[in-house]
Amino acid sequence: MSWPDLNRWSALWRAAGVDDAPVQWYERLTTAYAEPHRHYHNQLHIGECLVEFDQARHLAVYPAAVELALWFHDAVYKPRAGDNEEQSAALLKCCAVETGVPGSLVETAARLVMVTKNHEVGADADAALMVDVDLSILGQSEDRFSEYEQQIRKEYGWVPRPIFASKRAEILQRFLARPTIFATEWFRAKYEQQARRNLKASIANLR
């Protein structure tokens, strides 16, 4: 899995109604997702999200808005901060306004970035798709999920182990307590069972 290339970026902007893709913003995101403190929320994560999106694109009502949101949803990521999603959405708006994207698409994409904060989707089909793509890591193979958990721990390496273990277990337990982890039938069929196995194993290990 690799960082999406400039051709992919250009195709997105054409789909959004912009002929000249903002190369400077592609370079800015490339740099942002390569920041050294990112062990999971990095270029690989975006690449994996876009692969998942491509396979489920047929679920999108506004696919250009969903993809734009995926590119930007972790553009700002500081583990000690509580407003990463807000800052990422603001960055998306700044890019889109500079580039001339229609306002309705910008607002939709920014809203989709924000749903990754609490992963609450309501009845919004694109929000459901956005969240399921973001959470698809939970349903990966045991090896990939274990790697993901190690990457998250590295991002919070400044947190003492007992505190991290307690807080992390709480977060994972909230996902496990949901009637379904995934909001769409597509992702439930694909990942629900494996995600529950992964979460149970991780919680047991943390505790």
C-alpha atoms as a PDB file:
ATOM      1  CA  MET A   1       0.000   0.000   0.000  1.00  0.00           C
ATOM      2  CA  SER A   2       1.457   3.361  -0.933  1.00  0.00           C
ATOM      3  CA  TRP A   3       0.592   7.034  -0.801  1.00  0.00           C
ATOM      4  CA  PRO A   4      -1.838   7.859  -3.645  1.00  0.00           C
ATOM      5  CA  ASP A   5      -0.126   9.462  -6.589  1.00  0.00           C
ATOM      6  CA  LEU A   6      -0.756  12.810  -8.236  1.00  0.00           C
ATOM      7  CA  ASN A   7      -2.904  11.209 -10.948  1.00  0.00           C
ATOM      8  CA  ARG A   8      -5.349  10.075  -8.287  1.00  0.00           C
ATOM      9  CA  TRP A   9      -5.394  13.549  -6.767  1.00  0.00           C
ATOM     10  CA  SER A  10      -6.013  15.159 -10.153  1.00  0.00           C
ATOM     11  CA  ALA A  11      -8.882  12.792 -10.938  1.00  0.00           C
ATOM     12  CA  LEU A  12     -10.564  13.741  -7.669  1.00  0.00           C
ATOM     13  CA  TRP A  13     -10.514  17.431  -8.506  1.00  0.00           C
ATOM     14  CA  ARG A  14     -11.876  16.816 -11.987  1.00  0.00           C
ATOM     15  CA  ALA A  15     -14.746  14.916 -10.361  1.00  0.00           C
ATOM     16  CA  ALA A  16     -15.265  17.947  -8.126  1.00  0.00           C
ATOM     17  CA  GLY A  17     -15.540  20.190 -11.165  1.00  0.00           C
ATOM     18  CA  VAL A  18     -12.021  21.666 -11.088  1.00  0.00           C
ATOM     19  CA  ASP A  19      -9.804  21.212 -14.139  1.00  0.00           C
ATOM     20  CA  ASP A  20      -6.500  22.250 -12.560  1.00  0.00           C
ATOM     21  CA  ALA A  21      -5.769  20.219  -9.448  1.00  0.00           C
ATOM     22  CA  PRO A  22      -3.994  22.188  -6.696  1.00  0.00           C
ATOM     23  CA  VAL A  23      -0.593  20.494  -6.799  1.00  0.00           C
ATOM     24  CA  GLN A  24       0.644  22.631  -3.925  1.00  0.00           C
ATOM     25  CA  TRP A  25      -2.044  21.132  -1.699  1.00  0.00           C
ATOM     26  CA  TYR A  26      -1.138  17.609  -2.761  1.00  0.00           C
ATOM     27  CA  GLU A  27       2.430  18.365  -1.715  1.00  0.00           C
ATOM     28  CA  ARG A  28       1.197  19.881   1.536  1.00  0.00           C
ATOM     29  CA  LEU A  29      -0.805  16.769   2.395  1.00  0.00           C
ATOM     30  CA  THR A  30       2.081  14.524   1.358  1.00  0.00           C
ATOM     31  CA  THR A  31       4.290  16.333   3.863  1.00  0.00           C
ATOM     32  CA  ALA A  32       1.642  16.405   6.595  1.00  0.00           C
ATOM     33  CA  TYR A  33       0.946  12.680   6.459  1.00  0.00           C
ATOM     34  CA  ALA A  34       4.696  11.980   6.619  1.00  0.00           C
ATOM     35  CA  GLU A  35       5.213  13.824   9.916  1.00  0.00           C
ATOM     36  CA  PRO A  36       7.470  11.734  12.184  1.00  0.00           C
ATOM     37  CA  HIS A  37       5.012  11.534  15.086  1.00  0.00           C
ATOM     38  CA  ARG A  38       2.476   9.736  12.880  1.00  0.00           C
ATOM     39  CA  HIS A  39       2.746   5.978  13.199  1.00  0.00           C
ATOM     40  CA  TYR A  40      -0.802   5.107  12.137  1.00  0.00           C
ATOM     41  CA  HIS A  41      -2.470   8.345  10.982  1.00  0.00           C
ATOM     42  CA  ASN A  42      -0.092   8.622   8.066  1.00  0.00           C
ATOM     43  CA  GLN A  43       0.216   8.118   4.323  1.00  0.00           C
ATOM     44  CA  LEU A  44      -0.457   4.391   4.651  1.00  0.00           C
ATOM     45  CA  HIS A  45      -3.734   5.053   6.469  1.00  0.00           C
ATOM     46  CA  ILE A  46      -4.981   7.319   3.688  1.00  0.00           C
ATOM     47  CA  GLY A  47      -3.904   4.794   1.068  1.00  0.00           C
ATOM     48  CA  GLU A  48      -5.778   2.026   2.866  1.00  0.00           C
ATOM     49  CA  CYS A  49      -8.868   4.215   3.241  1.00  0.00           C
ATOM     50  CA  LEU A  50      -8.936   4.991  -0.468  1.00  0.00           C
ATOM     51  CA  VAL A  51      -8.649   1.302  -1.354  1.00  0.00           C
ATOM     52  CA  GLU A  52     -11.626   0.572   0.887  1.00  0.00           C
ATOM     53  CA  PHE A  53     -13.531   3.494  -0.624  1.00  0.00           C
ATOM     54  CA  ASP A  54     -12.866   2.308  -4.164  1.00  0.00           C
ATOM     55  CA  GLN A  55     -14.407  -1.060  -3.332  1.00  0.00           C
ATOM     56  CA  ALA A  56     -17.489   0.571  -1.789  1.00  0.00           C
ATOM     57  CA  ARG A  57     -17.781   3.649  -4.013  1.00  0.00           C
ATOM     58  CA  HIS A  58     -21.182   2.477  -5.219  1.00  0.00           C
ATOM     59  CA  LEU A  59     -22.563   3.276  -1.748  1.00  0.00           C
ATOM     60  CA  ALA A  60     -21.695   6.983  -2.041  1.00  0.00           C
ATOM     61  CA  VAL A  61     -24.326   9.586  -2.820  1.00  0.00           C
ATOM     62  CA  TYR A  62     -21.655  12.237  -3.429  1.00  0.00           C
ATOM     63  CA  PRO A  63     -18.473  10.253  -4.095  1.00  0.00           C
ATOM     64  CA  ALA A  64     -16.294  13.319  -4.765  1.00  0.00           C
ATOM     65  CA  ALA A  65     -17.220  14.760  -1.360  1.00  0.00           C
ATOM     66  CA  VAL A  66     -16.482  11.475   0.394  1.00  0.00           C
ATOM     67  CA  GLU A  67     -13.116  11.090  -1.295  1.00  0.00           C
ATOM     68  CA  LEU A  68     -12.151  14.699  -0.610  1.00  0.00           C
ATOM     69  CA  ALA A  69     -13.026  14.159   3.053  1.00  0.00           C
ATOM     70  CA  LEU A  70     -10.925  10.998   3.175  1.00  0.00           C
ATOM     71  CA  TRP A  71      -7.860  12.820   1.867  1.00  0.00           C
ATOM     72  CA  PHE A  72      -8.234  15.537   4.500  1.00  0.00           C
ATOM     73  CA  HIS A  73      -9.749  13.790   7.525  1.00  0.00           C
ATOM     74  CA  ASP A  74      -6.428  13.423   9.373  1.00  0.00           C
ATOM     75  CA  ALA A  75      -4.584  16.270   7.655  1.00  0.00           C
ATOM     76  CA  VAL A  76      -4.006  17.786  11.084  1.00  0.00           C
ATOM     77  CA  TYR A  77      -3.057  15.162  13.653  1.00  0.00           C
ATOM     78  CA  LYS A  78      -1.560  15.973  17.021  1.00  0.00           C
ATOM     79  CA  PRO A  79      -2.123  13.261  19.654  1.00  0.00           C
ATOM     80  CA  ARG A  80      -2.188  15.810  22.490  1.00  0.00           C
ATOM     81  CA  ALA A  81      -4.846  17.976  20.792  1.00  0.00           C
ATOM     82  CA  GLY A  82      -8.610  17.646  20.988  1.00  0.00           C
ATOM     83  CA  ASP A  83      -9.544  19.543  17.851  1.00  0.00           C
ATOM     84  CA  ASN A  84      -7.766  17.632  15.086  1.00  0.00           C
ATOM     85  CA  GLU A  85     -10.969  17.041  13.144  1.00  0.00           C
ATOM     86  CA  GLU A  86     -12.000  20.686  13.370  1.00  0.00           C
ATOM     87  CA  GLN A  87      -8.578  21.791  12.170  1.00  0.00           C
ATOM     88  CA  SER A  88      -8.582  19.224   9.355  1.00  0.00           C
ATOM     89  CA  ALA A  89     -12.036  20.337   8.212  1.00  0.00           C
ATOM     90  CA  ALA A  90     -10.887  23.964   8.259  1.00  0.00           C
ATOM     91  CA  LEU A  91      -7.876  23.043   6.142  1.00  0.00           C
ATOM     92  CA  LEU A  92     -10.129  21.279   3.648  1.00  0.00           C
ATOM     93  CA  LYS A  93     -12.309  24.379   3.380  1.00  0.00           C
ATOM     94  CA  CYS A  94      -9.281  26.584   2.854  1.00  0.00           C
ATOM     95  CA  CYS A  95      -8.014  24.348   0.044  1.00  0.00           C
ATOM     96  CA  ALA A  96     -11.423  24.036  -1.602  1.00  0.00           C
ATOM     97  CA  VAL A  97     -12.179  27.767  -1.486  1.00  0.00           C
ATOM     98  CA  GLU A  98      -8.789  28.565  -3.025  1.00  0.00           C
ATOM     99  CA  THR A  99      -9.456  26.025  -5.760  1.00  0.00           C
ATOM    100  CA  GLY A 100     -13.009  27.053  -6.606  1.00  0.00           C
ATOM    101  CA  VAL A 101     -14.911  23.957  -5.527  1.00  0.00           C
ATOM    102  CA  PRO A 102     -18.691  24.501  -5.321  1.00  0.00           C
ATOM    103  CA  GLY A 103     -19.719  25.540  -1.833  1.00  0.00           C
ATOM    104  CA  SER A 104     -22.204  22.721  -1.338  1.00  0.00           C
ATOM    105  CA  LEU A 105     -19.537  20.094  -2.021  1.00  0.00           C
ATOM    106  CA  VAL A 106     -17.110  21.850   0.336  1.00  0.00           C
ATOM    107  CA  GLU A 107     -19.629  21.911   3.179  1.00  0.00           C
ATOM    108  CA  THR A 108     -20.535  18.267   2.626  1.00  0.00           C
ATOM    109  CA  ALA A 109     -16.895  17.174   2.626  1.00  0.00           C
ATOM    110  CA  ALA A 110     -16.086  19.226   5.730  1.00  0.00           C
ATOM    111  CA  ARG A 111     -19.062  17.716   7.542  1.00  0.00           C
ATOM    112  CA  LEU A 112     -17.852  14.239   6.608  1.00  0.00           C
ATOM    113  CA  VAL A 113     -14.457  14.996   8.120  1.00  0.00           C
ATOM    114  CA  MET A 114     -16.215  15.905  11.358  1.00  0.00           C
ATOM    115  CA  VAL A 115     -18.140  12.625  11.609  1.00  0.00           C
ATOM    116  CA  THR A 116     -14.805  10.849  12.150  1.00  0.00           C
ATOM    117  CA  LYS A 117     -14.549  12.605  15.519  1.00  0.00           C
ATOM    118  CA  ASN A 118     -17.266  10.605  17.276  1.00  0.00           C
ATOM    119  CA  HIS A 119     -18.244   8.162  14.508  1.00  0.00           C
ATOM    120  CA  GLU A 120     -21.950   8.997  14.818  1.00  0.00           C
ATOM    121  CA  VAL A 121     -23.657   8.945  11.432  1.00  0.00           C
ATOM    122  CA  GLY A 122     -27.417   9.208  11.887  1.00  0.00           C
ATOM    123  CA  ALA A 123     -29.266   8.526   8.624  1.00  0.00           C
ATOM    124  CA  ASP A 124     -26.635  10.069   6.344  1.00  0.00           C
ATOM    125  CA  ALA A 125     -25.484   7.471   3.792  1.00  0.00           C
ATOM    126  CA  ASP A 126     -22.228   9.256   2.988  1.00  0.00           C
ATOM    127  CA  ALA A 127     -21.442   9.712   6.678  1.00  0.00           C
ATOM    128  CA  ALA A 128     -22.023   5.988   7.183  1.00  0.00           C
ATOM    129  CA  LEU A 129     -19.644   5.192   4.348  1.00  0.00           C
ATOM    130  CA  MET A 130     -17.043   7.661   5.644  1.00  0.00           C
ATOM    131  CA  VAL A 131     -17.076   6.194   9.127  1.00  0.00           C
ATOM    132  CA  ASP A 132     -17.001   2.599   7.920  1.00  0.00           C
ATOM    133  CA  VAL A 133     -14.007   3.299   5.718  1.00  0.00           C
ATOM    134  CA  ASP A 134     -12.225   4.968   8.632  1.00  0.00           C
ATOM    135  CA  LEU A 135     -13.037   2.060  10.950  1.00  0.00           C
ATOM    136  CA  SER A 136     -12.224  -0.675   8.434  1.00  0.00           C
ATOM    137  CA  ILE A 137      -8.867  -1.190  10.164  1.00  0.00           C
ATOM    138  CA  LEU A 138     -10.785  -2.820  13.035  1.00  0.00           C
ATOM    139  CA  GLY A 139     -11.796  -5.717  10.797  1.00  0.00           C
ATOM    140  CA  GLN A 140      -8.423  -6.467   9.249  1.00  0.00           C
ATOM    141  CA  SER A 141      -6.433  -9.639   9.841  1.00  0.00           C
ATOM    142  CA  GLU A 142      -5.087 -10.316  13.327  1.00  0.00           C
ATOM    143  CA  ASP A 143      -1.583  -9.382  12.191  1.00  0.00           C
ATOM    144  CA  ARG A 144      -2.596  -6.062  10.636  1.00  0.00           C
ATOM    145  CA  PHE A 145      -4.825  -5.203  13.589  1.00  0.00           C
ATOM    146  CA  SER A 146      -1.997  -5.985  16.016  1.00  0.00           C
ATOM    147  CA  GLU A 147       0.312  -3.744  13.994  1.00  0.00           C
ATOM    148  CA  TYR A 148      -2.322  -1.002  14.115  1.00  0.00           C
ATOM    149  CA  GLU A 149      -2.598  -1.272  17.893  1.00  0.00           C
ATOM    150  CA  GLN A 150       1.171  -0.996  18.213  1.00  0.00           C
ATOM    151  CA  GLN A 151       1.141   2.061  15.956  1.00  0.00           C
ATOM    152  CA  ILE A 152      -1.521   3.751  18.080  1.00  0.00           C
ATOM    153  CA  ARG A 153       0.517   3.025  21.206  1.00  0.00           C
ATOM    154  CA  LYS A 154       3.537   4.702  19.622  1.00  0.00           C
ATOM    155  CA  GLU A 155       1.492   7.789  18.823  1.00  0.00           C
ATOM    156  CA  TYR A 156       0.607   7.984  22.506  1.00  0.00           C
ATOM    157  CA  GLY A 157       4.029   6.967  23.761  1.00  0.00           C
ATOM    158  CA  TRP A 158       4.032   9.920  26.166  1.00  0.00           C
ATOM    159  CA  VAL A 159       1.067   8.430  28.088  1.00  0.00           C
ATOM    160  CA  PRO A 160       2.033   6.061  30.935  1.00  0.00           C
ATOM    161  CA  ARG A 161       1.155   2.460  30.105  1.00  0.00           C
ATOM    162  CA  PRO A 162      -1.500   1.930  32.845  1.00  0.00           C
ATOM    163  CA  ILE A 163      -3.378   5.064  31.812  1.00  0.00           C
ATOM    164  CA  PHE A 164      -3.107   4.285  28.111  1.00  0.00           C
ATOM    165  CA  ALA A 165      -4.300   0.707  28.636  1.00  0.00           C
ATOM    166  CA  SER A 166      -7.319   1.840  30.639  1.00  0.00           C
ATOM    167  CA  LYS A 167      -8.371   4.596  28.231  1.00  0.00           C
ATOM    168  CA  ARG A 168      -7.739   2.489  25.146  1.00  0.00           C
ATOM    169  CA  ALA A 169      -9.790  -0.394  26.529  1.00  0.00           C
ATOM    170  CA  GLU A 170     -12.656   2.029  27.195  1.00  0.00           C
ATOM    171  CA  ILE A 171     -12.586   3.276  23.603  1.00  0.00           C
ATOM    172  CA  LEU A 172     -12.522  -0.216  22.124  1.00  0.00           C
ATOM    173  CA  GLN A 173     -15.253  -1.398  24.503  1.00  0.00           C
ATOM    174  CA  ARG A 174     -17.547   1.374  23.280  1.00  0.00           C
ATOM    175  CA  PHE A 175     -17.208   0.077  19.731  1.00  0.00           C
ATOM    176  CA  LEU A 176     -17.776  -3.487  20.901  1.00  0.00           C
ATOM    177  CA  ALA A 177     -20.908  -2.464  22.818  1.00  0.00           C
ATOM    178  CA  ARG A 178     -22.614  -1.134  19.704  1.00  0.00           C
ATOM    179  CA  PRO A 179     -25.339  -3.290  18.166  1.00  0.00           C
ATOM    180  CA  THR A 180     -23.136  -3.210  15.060  1.00  0.00           C
ATOM    181  CA  ILE A 181     -19.672  -1.696  14.694  1.00  0.00           C
ATOM    182  CA  PHE A 182     -20.212  -0.809  11.066  1.00  0.00           C
ATOM    183  CA  ALA A 183     -23.012   1.378   9.795  1.00  0.00           C
ATOM    184  CA  THR A 184     -23.471  -0.182   6.354  1.00  0.00           C
ATOM    185  CA  GLU A 185     -24.452  -3.719   5.468  1.00  0.00           C
ATOM    186  CA  TRP A 186     -21.555  -3.809   2.998  1.00  0.00           C
ATOM    187  CA  PHE A 187     -18.933  -3.326   5.701  1.00  0.00           C
ATOM    188  CA  ARG A 188     -20.785  -5.428   8.253  1.00  0.00           C
ATOM    189  CA  ALA A 189     -20.701  -8.391   5.909  1.00  0.00           C
ATOM    190  CA  LYS A 190     -17.043  -7.787   5.189  1.00  0.00           C
ATOM    191  CA  TYR A 191     -15.600  -6.947   8.594  1.00  0.00           C
ATOM    192  CA  GLU A 192     -18.045  -7.160  11.525  1.00  0.00           C
ATOM    193  CA  GLN A 193     -17.129 -10.620  12.801  1.00  0.00           C
ATOM    194  CA  GLN A 194     -13.385 -10.142  12.501  1.00  0.00           C
ATOM    195  CA  ALA A 195     -13.613  -6.705  14.092  1.00  0.00           C
ATOM    196  CA  ARG A 196     -15.373  -8.126  17.126  1.00  0.00           C
ATOM    197  CA  ARG A 197     -12.739 -10.827  17.487  1.00  0.00           C
ATOM    198  CA  ASN A 198      -9.983  -8.250  17.216  1.00  0.00           C
ATOM    199  CA  LEU A 199     -11.549  -5.899  19.725  1.00  0.00           C
ATOM    200  CA  LYS A 200     -12.206  -8.634  22.292  1.00  0.00           C
ATOM    201  CA  ALA A 201      -8.608  -9.849  22.028  1.00  0.00           C
ATOM    202  CA  SER A 202      -7.194  -6.353  22.322  1.00  0.00           C
ATOM    203  CA  ILE A 203      -9.342  -5.452  25.326  1.00  0.00           C
ATOM    204  CA  ALA A 204      -8.333  -8.662  27.101  1.00  0.00           C
ATOM    205  CA  ASN A 205      -4.678  -7.894  26.443  1.00  0.00           C
ATOM    206  CA  LEU A 206      -4.977  -4.298  27.638  1.00  0.00           C
ATOM    207  CA  ARG A 207      -6.655  -5.370  30.883  1.00  0.00           C
END
